[in-house]
């Protein structure tokens, strides 16, 4: 990996669509499908650069670097916070991601793309979002550094229901 290529670490809770966001950013075409709960989900039409799940179980178990040749940028698809495999895996994932960021920030420009599902903001008074923000703060001891490199993306929104006359 060349030291001057930017790296975007895509972080957030398990099942928020981090892998789907990366596939969309690199131009993978999508179509609608339904998951096991009957919810509409986006799935890659062809082979995805990053494997995606249906939001019920974690798919990304280790950080995966994906190179976007068109934009000369790396995306790091990271395992989700509050992983469905348990707290031990959460600790291991946070440690691994932290070490990756620490190692690459000296040689590559880094950014953090924080993926969040708006439904998680209201469930249990936003505990999942608060816990995710706490993990981010712990990963970046220097809050100024975190604030200078973080951007958010909203995923998995439910379309508003429209009355027939408005459609």
Foldseek 3Di string as FASTA:
>chain_A
DALAAEEEEEAAAQLLCSQVVVQVVLPFDWDWDADPVRDIDIDGPDDTPGDDDNSPAHDDQAWDWDANVVVRHIYTHATYAPHPVDDVSNVVRLVRVLVVCVVNVVRYHYAYEYEDEVVCCPPPVNPRVVVRVVSVCVSPVPVVVNVVHYDYDYGDDDDDDDDPVVD
